[in-house]
Amino acid sequence: MKAWWQELRRSRKYQSQELFVLQMACEAHDEAETARQFLAKNGRVYEDHNGVVRKRPEVAIEQNARAFFLRAVRQLGLLRTEQAKDPNRNSAVGIGWWQLEETRR
């Protein structure tokens, strides 16, 4: 995620509020990744003291963080699908799904 942040910072000038949104997007991505790693190790469900199978709270953390990340990236105009719709956006900057997957490795 740090390399993506640096690439975006080099690619164009951002206003202070855009930098804030970009920082929050990176933090959300990191939070989602931390939750994903926890869930990969511990599973997405657990059994409570009554024997009822329940979803781990980390599932919601991961989902909410990913949703926020995507909203923030969309708001900044960094999704390539939106760039095709808006010719005023810088088409040289953006993130594809394959780049998101690479940040997991």
C-alpha atoms as a PDB file:
ATOM      1  CA  MET A   1       0.000   0.000   0.000  1.00  0.00           C
ATOM      2  CA  LYS A   2       2.917   2.318   0.694  1.00  0.00           C
ATOM      3  CA  ALA A   3       4.161   1.971  -2.900  1.00  0.00           C
ATOM      4  CA  TRP A   4       0.671   2.796  -4.212  1.00  0.00           C
ATOM      5  CA  TRP A   5       0.519   5.874  -1.965  1.00  0.00           C
ATOM      6  CA  GLN A   6       3.907   7.042  -3.227  1.00  0.00           C
ATOM      7  CA  GLU A   7       2.948   6.436  -6.873  1.00  0.00           C
ATOM      8  CA  LEU A   8      -0.213   8.476  -6.486  1.00  0.00           C
ATOM      9  CA  ARG A   9       1.611  11.299  -4.698  1.00  0.00           C
ATOM     10  CA  ARG A  10       4.143  11.503  -7.557  1.00  0.00           C
ATOM     11  CA  SER A  11       1.504  11.349 -10.273  1.00  0.00           C
ATOM     12  CA  ARG A  12      -0.289  14.631  -9.530  1.00  0.00           C
ATOM     13  CA  LYS A  13      -0.862  17.321  -6.947  1.00  0.00           C
ATOM     14  CA  TYR A  14      -3.626  16.703  -4.450  1.00  0.00           C
ATOM     15  CA  GLN A  15      -5.569  19.202  -2.423  1.00  0.00           C
ATOM     16  CA  SER A  16      -5.381  18.755   1.342  1.00  0.00           C
ATOM     17  CA  GLN A  17      -8.856  17.200   1.590  1.00  0.00           C
ATOM     18  CA  GLU A  18      -7.959  14.736  -1.183  1.00  0.00           C
ATOM     19  CA  LEU A  19      -4.812  13.730   0.691  1.00  0.00           C
ATOM     20  CA  PHE A  20      -6.914  13.142   3.771  1.00  0.00           C
ATOM     21  CA  VAL A  21      -9.296  10.883   1.814  1.00  0.00           C
ATOM     22  CA  LEU A  22      -6.334   9.083   0.241  1.00  0.00           C
ATOM     23  CA  GLN A  23      -4.761   8.526   3.657  1.00  0.00           C
ATOM     24  CA  MET A  24      -8.054   7.208   5.036  1.00  0.00           C
ATOM     25  CA  ALA A  25      -8.377   4.881   2.038  1.00  0.00           C
ATOM     26  CA  CYS A  26      -4.907   3.461   2.674  1.00  0.00           C
ATOM     27  CA  GLU A  27      -5.671   3.004   6.370  1.00  0.00           C
ATOM     28  CA  ALA A  28      -8.956   1.270   5.520  1.00  0.00           C
ATOM     29  CA  HIS A  29      -7.147  -1.051   3.129  1.00  0.00           C
ATOM     30  CA  ASP A  30      -4.612  -1.906   5.841  1.00  0.00           C
ATOM     31  CA  GLU A  31      -7.407  -2.534   8.342  1.00  0.00           C
ATOM     32  CA  ALA A  32      -9.233  -4.802   5.896  1.00  0.00           C
ATOM     33  CA  GLU A  33      -6.021  -6.692   5.196  1.00  0.00           C
ATOM     34  CA  THR A  34      -5.338  -7.176   8.915  1.00  0.00           C
ATOM     35  CA  ALA A  35      -8.869  -8.512   9.422  1.00  0.00           C
ATOM     36  CA  ARG A  36      -8.517 -10.764   6.365  1.00  0.00           C
ATOM     37  CA  GLN A  37      -5.291 -12.257   7.718  1.00  0.00           C
ATOM     38  CA  PHE A  38      -6.906 -12.853  11.112  1.00  0.00           C
ATOM     39  CA  LEU A  39      -9.885 -14.545   9.473  1.00  0.00           C
ATOM     40  CA  ALA A  40      -7.639 -16.684   7.283  1.00  0.00           C
ATOM     41  CA  LYS A  41      -5.915 -17.941  10.419  1.00  0.00           C
ATOM     42  CA  ASN A  42      -8.933 -18.241  12.756  1.00  0.00           C
ATOM     43  CA  GLY A  43     -11.891 -18.785  10.435  1.00  0.00           C
ATOM     44  CA  ARG A  44     -14.904 -16.593   9.725  1.00  0.00           C
ATOM     45  CA  VAL A  45     -17.120 -18.149  12.404  1.00  0.00           C
ATOM     46  CA  TYR A  46     -16.764 -19.289  16.000  1.00  0.00           C
ATOM     47  CA  GLU A  47     -18.863 -21.196  18.484  1.00  0.00           C
ATOM     48  CA  ASP A  48     -20.062 -19.183  21.477  1.00  0.00           C
ATOM     49  CA  HIS A  49     -20.415 -20.479  25.043  1.00  0.00           C
ATOM     50  CA  ASN A  50     -23.893 -21.855  24.218  1.00  0.00           C
ATOM     51  CA  GLY A  51     -22.645 -23.765  21.191  1.00  0.00           C
ATOM     52  CA  VAL A  52     -24.202 -21.335  18.704  1.00  0.00           C
ATOM     53  CA  VAL A  53     -22.114 -20.703  15.593  1.00  0.00           C
ATOM     54  CA  ARG A  54     -21.599 -16.982  15.088  1.00  0.00           C
ATOM     55  CA  LYS A  55     -19.846 -14.765  12.581  1.00  0.00           C
ATOM     56  CA  ARG A  56     -16.635 -13.216  13.915  1.00  0.00           C
ATOM     57  CA  PRO A  57     -16.673  -9.431  14.391  1.00  0.00           C
ATOM     58  CA  GLU A  58     -13.645  -9.240  12.114  1.00  0.00           C
ATOM     59  CA  VAL A  59     -15.889 -10.201   9.176  1.00  0.00           C
ATOM     60  CA  ALA A  60     -17.779  -6.913   9.543  1.00  0.00           C
ATOM     61  CA  ILE A  61     -14.527  -5.020  10.078  1.00  0.00           C
ATOM     62  CA  GLU A  62     -13.142  -6.414   6.826  1.00  0.00           C
ATOM     63  CA  GLN A  63     -16.344  -5.720   4.879  1.00  0.00           C
ATOM     64  CA  ASN A  64     -16.733  -2.172   6.188  1.00  0.00           C
ATOM     65  CA  ALA A  65     -13.079  -1.305   5.602  1.00  0.00           C
ATOM     66  CA  ARG A  66     -13.173  -2.639   2.035  1.00  0.00           C
ATOM     67  CA  ALA A  67     -16.391  -0.747   1.312  1.00  0.00           C
ATOM     68  CA  PHE A  68     -14.881   2.475   2.652  1.00  0.00           C
ATOM     69  CA  PHE A  69     -11.715   1.914   0.625  1.00  0.00           C
ATOM     70  CA  LEU A  70     -13.685   1.488  -2.585  1.00  0.00           C
ATOM     71  CA  ARG A  71     -15.872   4.540  -1.886  1.00  0.00           C
ATOM     72  CA  ALA A  72     -12.791   6.666  -1.181  1.00  0.00           C
ATOM     73  CA  VAL A  73     -10.967   5.465  -4.299  1.00  0.00           C
ATOM     74  CA  ARG A  74     -14.087   6.129  -6.359  1.00  0.00           C
ATOM     75  CA  GLN A  75     -14.456   9.592  -4.815  1.00  0.00           C
ATOM     76  CA  LEU A  76     -10.873  10.401  -5.791  1.00  0.00           C
ATOM     77  CA  GLY A  77     -11.540   9.155  -9.321  1.00  0.00           C
ATOM     78  CA  LEU A  78      -8.894   6.436  -9.136  1.00  0.00           C
ATOM     79  CA  LEU A  79     -10.958   3.515 -10.368  1.00  0.00           C
ATOM     80  CA  ARG A  80     -10.179   2.895 -14.007  1.00  0.00           C
ATOM     81  CA  THR A  81     -13.805   2.124 -14.796  1.00  0.00           C
ATOM     82  CA  GLU A  82     -14.793   5.636 -13.714  1.00  0.00           C
ATOM     83  CA  GLN A  83     -11.939   7.236 -15.591  1.00  0.00           C
ATOM     84  CA  ALA A  84     -13.332   5.874 -18.818  1.00  0.00           C
ATOM     85  CA  LYS A  85     -16.601   7.696 -18.071  1.00  0.00           C
ATOM     86  CA  ASP A  86     -14.946  10.988 -17.100  1.00  0.00           C
ATOM     87  CA  PRO A  87     -12.475  12.299 -19.698  1.00  0.00           C
ATOM     88  CA  ASN A  88     -11.373  15.067 -17.304  1.00  0.00           C
ATOM     89  CA  ARG A  89      -9.734  12.576 -14.947  1.00  0.00           C
ATOM     90  CA  ASN A  90      -6.063  11.709 -15.247  1.00  0.00           C
ATOM     91  CA  SER A  91      -6.173   8.332 -16.972  1.00  0.00           C
ATOM     92  CA  ALA A  92      -2.532   7.578 -16.171  1.00  0.00           C
ATOM     93  CA  VAL A  93      -3.350   7.243 -12.487  1.00  0.00           C
ATOM     94  CA  GLY A  94      -5.577   4.596 -11.044  1.00  0.00           C
ATOM     95  CA  ILE A  95      -5.750   1.208  -9.492  1.00  0.00           C
ATOM     96  CA  GLY A  96      -7.031  -1.956 -11.043  1.00  0.00           C
ATOM     97  CA  TRP A  97      -8.310  -5.002  -9.217  1.00  0.00           C
ATOM     98  CA  TRP A  98      -5.111  -6.855 -10.053  1.00  0.00           C
ATOM     99  CA  GLN A  99      -3.118  -4.119  -8.283  1.00  0.00           C
ATOM    100  CA  LEU A 100      -5.248  -4.529  -5.167  1.00  0.00           C
ATOM    101  CA  GLU A 101      -4.563  -8.235  -5.210  1.00  0.00           C
ATOM    102  CA  GLU A 102      -0.818  -7.585  -5.541  1.00  0.00           C
ATOM    103  CA  THR A 103      -0.855  -5.544  -2.319  1.00  0.00           C
ATOM    104  CA  ARG A 104      -1.934  -8.672  -0.457  1.00  0.00           C
ATOM    105  CA  ARG A 105       1.231 -10.518  -1.421  1.00  0.00           C
END
